């Protein structure tokens, strides 16, 4: 019993204490081994409704998890989301692995996309910005990594893509943010992720032509898969 009391005292001491100037010191959150999936959706184009559906599919996947996991979604689309009708924001879905997401019972898989979007926690909103900018991508993905206590991350990109082809967007590029001119070169994506400095469990593309050997080679040092 004495050992338990001593442990509780130590916990209280280290959780909230003060430095020599009387300022309260808050202990940082403890890292955990659960995975956080970062999803970067550039949907200000004709894929808007499809990429919204992807959020619903991922929600259903979280609902089936028997381990803790978090989904963070960066949304840039034609559709407005959240209470403030923003269209540049980070949404969070945190599953406890026991049938709850964001502290609530999971919605049935017959729920509408809009119902699922209403369940999201808004982590951050941004002013209007071009999401295919290297600096914007660096900032947003860095913000998502910083918002999580996980030590393991997966990364998903969703938009149009051209790989090495001269397709509907610029060659060797991802994205179509409102205009053909707003695409991000693969080398710029690599540099953005190198700046963030996070090694990913995997990098996945829900975008045309992005499953080629050349694309995989571009990201070989940034992810295990």
Protein backbone atom coordinates (compact mmCIF):
# COMPACT_ATOMS: atom_id res chain seq x y z
CA UNK A 1 0.00 0.00 0.00
CA UNK A 2 2.85 2.38 0.85
CA UNK A 3 4.41 1.73 -2.55
CA UNK A 4 1.14 2.60 -4.31
CA UNK A 5 0.80 5.85 -2.35
CA UNK A 6 4.40 6.77 -3.15
CA UNK A 7 3.77 6.14 -6.84
CA UNK A 8 0.67 8.34 -6.85
CA UNK A 9 2.60 11.15 -5.18
CA UNK A 10 5.32 10.90 -7.82
CA UNK A 11 2.73 11.00 -10.62
CA UNK A 12 1.12 14.12 -9.17
CA UNK A 13 4.51 15.76 -8.73
CA UNK A 14 5.69 15.21 -12.29
CA UNK A 15 2.35 15.98 -13.96
CA UNK A 16 2.10 19.56 -12.72
CA UNK A 17 5.00 21.30 -11.02
CA UNK A 18 6.65 24.71 -11.06
CA UNK A 19 10.08 25.99 -11.99
CA UNK A 20 12.14 28.49 -9.99
CA UNK A 21 10.19 31.40 -11.51
CA UNK A 22 6.87 29.99 -10.32
CA UNK A 23 5.74 29.05 -13.83
CA UNK A 24 3.78 25.84 -14.15
CA UNK A 25 5.54 23.09 -16.07
CA UNK A 26 3.24 20.78 -18.01
CA UNK A 27 4.53 17.30 -18.75
CA UNK A 28 4.36 16.57 -22.51
CA UNK A 29 2.04 13.77 -23.65
CA UNK A 30 3.54 10.29 -23.59
CA UNK A 31 4.25 8.90 -27.10
CA UNK A 32 2.28 5.81 -28.01
CA UNK A 33 2.81 3.02 -30.53
CA UNK A 34 -0.59 3.35 -32.21
CA UNK A 35 -0.60 4.36 -35.85
CA UNK A 36 -1.82 7.69 -37.20
CA UNK A 37 -2.83 7.89 -40.85
CA UNK A 38 -2.27 11.30 -42.43
CA UNK A 39 -4.47 11.90 -45.47
CA UNK A 40 -3.79 14.85 -47.78
CA UNK A 41 -6.78 15.39 -50.06
CA UNK A 42 -6.54 17.96 -52.86
CA UNK A 43 -10.17 17.93 -53.96
CA UNK A 44 -10.82 21.39 -55.41
CA UNK A 45 -11.61 19.72 -58.72
CA UNK A 46 -14.00 17.15 -60.17
CA UNK A 47 -12.94 14.55 -57.57
CA UNK A 48 -14.52 16.46 -54.67
CA UNK A 49 -17.42 14.05 -54.04
CA UNK A 50 -15.27 10.95 -54.56
CA UNK A 51 -12.66 12.06 -52.06
CA UNK A 52 -15.38 12.89 -49.53
CA UNK A 53 -16.53 9.29 -49.94
CA UNK A 54 -12.98 8.19 -49.19
CA UNK A 55 -13.26 9.79 -45.75
CA UNK A 56 -16.38 7.71 -45.12
CA UNK A 57 -14.59 4.53 -46.25
CA UNK A 58 -11.69 5.27 -43.91
CA UNK A 59 -14.12 5.94 -41.05
CA UNK A 60 -15.62 2.48 -41.62
CA UNK A 61 -12.12 1.03 -41.53
CA UNK A 62 -11.41 2.74 -38.21
CA UNK A 63 -14.69 1.44 -36.82
CA UNK A 64 -13.52 -2.13 -37.46
CA UNK A 65 -10.18 -1.64 -35.69
CA UNK A 66 -9.49 -3.62 -32.53
CA UNK A 67 -6.52 -1.41 -31.70
CA UNK A 68 -6.14 2.32 -31.16
CA UNK A 69 -5.63 4.31 -34.35
CA UNK A 70 -6.06 7.88 -35.54
CA UNK A 71 -7.04 9.34 -38.89
CA UNK A 72 -6.08 12.94 -39.65
CA UNK A 73 -7.49 14.35 -42.88
CA UNK A 74 -6.35 17.55 -44.55
CA UNK A 75 -9.21 18.71 -46.76
CA UNK A 76 -8.97 21.21 -49.61
CA UNK A 77 -12.08 20.89 -51.75
CA UNK A 78 -15.05 22.56 -53.30
CA UNK A 79 -17.22 21.35 -50.44
CA UNK A 80 -17.28 23.28 -47.19
CA UNK A 81 -16.76 21.42 -43.92
CA UNK A 82 -17.05 22.12 -40.24
CA UNK A 83 -19.10 24.61 -38.28
CA UNK A 84 -17.37 27.53 -39.96
CA UNK A 85 -17.86 26.13 -43.47
CA UNK A 86 -14.11 26.02 -44.04
CA UNK A 87 -12.57 24.27 -47.00
CA UNK A 88 -8.94 24.18 -45.81
CA UNK A 89 -8.80 22.29 -42.53
CA UNK A 90 -7.56 19.23 -40.64
CA UNK A 91 -10.18 16.74 -39.41
CA UNK A 92 -9.49 14.13 -36.73
CA UNK A 93 -11.03 10.71 -36.07
CA UNK A 94 -9.54 8.88 -33.09
CA UNK A 95 -10.56 5.23 -32.59
CA UNK A 96 -10.13 3.53 -29.23
CA UNK A 97 -10.28 0.02 -30.69
CA UNK A 98 -13.32 -0.76 -28.56
CA UNK A 99 -16.12 0.57 -30.74
CA UNK A 100 -15.79 4.31 -30.18
CA UNK A 101 -14.48 7.09 -32.41
CA UNK A 102 -13.85 10.51 -30.88
CA UNK A 103 -15.41 9.21 -27.68
CA UNK A 104 -18.72 8.27 -29.30
CA UNK A 105 -20.15 4.96 -30.46
CA UNK A 106 -19.23 4.38 -34.10
CA UNK A 107 -21.87 5.21 -36.66
CA UNK A 108 -23.42 2.32 -38.61
CA UNK A 109 -21.93 1.70 -42.05
CA UNK A 110 -25.19 2.87 -43.59
CA UNK A 111 -24.53 6.43 -42.37
CA UNK A 112 -24.24 9.23 -44.92
CA UNK A 113 -20.99 10.99 -45.69
CA UNK A 114 -22.32 14.19 -44.14
CA UNK A 115 -23.16 12.37 -40.90
CA UNK A 116 -19.63 11.03 -40.74
CA UNK A 117 -18.11 14.44 -41.45
CA UNK A 118 -20.10 15.91 -38.57
CA UNK A 119 -18.38 13.43 -36.22
CA UNK A 120 -14.93 14.84 -36.99
CA UNK A 121 -12.97 16.97 -34.56
CA UNK A 122 -11.55 20.06 -36.27
CA UNK A 123 -7.87 20.24 -35.32
CA UNK A 124 -6.94 23.30 -37.36
CA UNK A 125 -8.34 25.63 -40.01
CA UNK A 126 -6.31 27.49 -42.59
CA UNK A 127 -7.00 30.58 -44.68
CA UNK A 128 -7.46 30.07 -48.40
CA UNK A 129 -4.26 28.52 -49.74
CA UNK A 130 -2.88 26.54 -52.66
CA UNK A 131 -2.36 23.03 -51.34
CA UNK A 132 0.00 22.08 -54.17
CA UNK A 133 2.52 24.64 -52.91
CA UNK A 134 5.60 22.98 -51.40
CA UNK A 135 5.59 25.33 -48.42
CA UNK A 136 1.89 24.69 -47.74
CA UNK A 137 2.36 20.92 -47.95
CA UNK A 138 5.35 21.10 -45.60
CA UNK A 139 3.37 23.18 -43.10
CA UNK A 140 0.22 21.05 -43.18
CA UNK A 141 1.89 17.64 -42.93
CA UNK A 142 4.14 19.01 -40.19
CA UNK A 143 1.06 20.24 -38.33
CA UNK A 144 -0.56 16.81 -38.61
CA UNK A 145 2.53 15.03 -37.28
CA UNK A 146 2.74 17.52 -34.41
CA UNK A 147 -0.94 17.00 -33.56
CA UNK A 148 -0.40 13.31 -32.84
CA UNK A 149 1.32 11.46 -30.00
CA UNK A 150 1.86 8.42 -32.25
CA UNK A 151 5.30 7.16 -33.10
CA UNK A 152 4.09 5.45 -36.30
CA UNK A 153 2.59 7.20 -39.32
CA UNK A 154 1.14 6.31 -42.69
CA UNK A 155 0.58 8.90 -45.43
CA UNK A 156 -2.14 8.95 -48.09
CA UNK A 157 -2.42 11.43 -50.97
CA UNK A 158 -5.66 11.83 -52.90
CA UNK A 159 -6.11 13.90 -56.06
CA UNK A 160 -5.31 13.81 -59.77
CA UNK A 161 -1.86 12.61 -60.75
CA UNK A 162 0.32 12.26 -63.84
CA UNK A 163 3.39 10.28 -62.72
CA UNK A 164 5.91 10.59 -65.59
CA UNK A 165 3.24 11.20 -68.23
CA UNK A 166 2.01 14.41 -69.83
CA UNK A 167 -1.55 13.91 -68.67
CA UNK A 168 -4.31 16.14 -67.33
CA UNK A 169 -1.84 17.85 -65.04
CA UNK A 170 1.80 18.83 -65.37
CA UNK A 171 4.18 15.93 -66.00
CA UNK A 172 5.71 14.26 -62.90
CA UNK A 173 3.16 15.87 -60.64
CA UNK A 174 0.32 15.41 -58.20
CA UNK A 175 -2.78 17.51 -57.69
CA UNK A 176 -5.15 19.85 -59.43
CA UNK A 177 -6.02 22.58 -56.96
CA UNK A 178 -8.70 24.54 -58.79
CA UNK A 179 -6.60 24.84 -61.93
CA UNK A 180 -4.29 22.83 -64.20
CA UNK A 181 -1.49 25.19 -63.18
CA UNK A 182 -1.75 24.24 -59.52
CA UNK A 183 0.07 20.91 -59.36
CA UNK A 184 3.10 19.92 -57.29
CA UNK A 185 6.14 18.25 -58.81
CA UNK A 186 7.21 14.93 -57.28
CA UNK A 187 10.62 16.34 -56.38
CA UNK A 188 8.88 19.11 -54.42
CA UNK A 189 6.77 16.53 -52.54
CA UNK A 190 9.96 14.68 -51.65
CA UNK A 191 11.58 17.88 -50.40
CA UNK A 192 8.47 18.76 -48.38
CA UNK A 193 8.48 15.35 -46.67
CA UNK A 194 12.23 15.52 -46.05
CA UNK A 195 11.69 18.88 -44.34
CA UNK A 196 8.96 17.40 -42.12
CA UNK A 197 11.51 14.75 -41.17
CA UNK A 198 9.11 11.87 -40.44
CA UNK A 199 9.77 8.36 -41.78
CA UNK A 200 6.45 6.79 -42.77
CA UNK A 201 5.27 3.21 -42.50
CA UNK A 202 3.85 3.61 -46.01
CA UNK A 203 2.98 6.24 -48.62
CA UNK A 204 -0.17 5.53 -50.61
CA UNK A 205 -1.62 7.40 -53.60
CA UNK A 206 -5.28 7.45 -54.53
CA UNK A 207 -4.44 9.18 -57.80
CA UNK A 208 -4.05 8.11 -61.40
CA UNK A 209 -0.66 6.85 -62.64
CA UNK A 210 1.01 7.13 -59.22
CA UNK A 211 1.73 3.42 -58.82
CA UNK A 212 4.72 3.37 -61.16
CA UNK A 213 8.29 2.32 -60.42
CA UNK A 214 9.49 5.88 -60.99
CA UNK A 215 7.13 7.26 -58.34
CA UNK A 216 8.11 4.54 -55.86
CA UNK A 217 11.78 5.32 -56.44
CA UNK A 218 11.16 9.02 -55.69
CA UNK A 219 9.94 8.14 -52.18
CA UNK A 220 12.17 5.13 -51.42
CA UNK A 221 13.96 6.81 -48.51
CA UNK A 222 10.81 8.26 -46.94
CA UNK A 223 8.75 5.18 -46.22
CA UNK A 224 9.05 1.47 -45.52
CA UNK A 225 6.42 0.69 -48.17
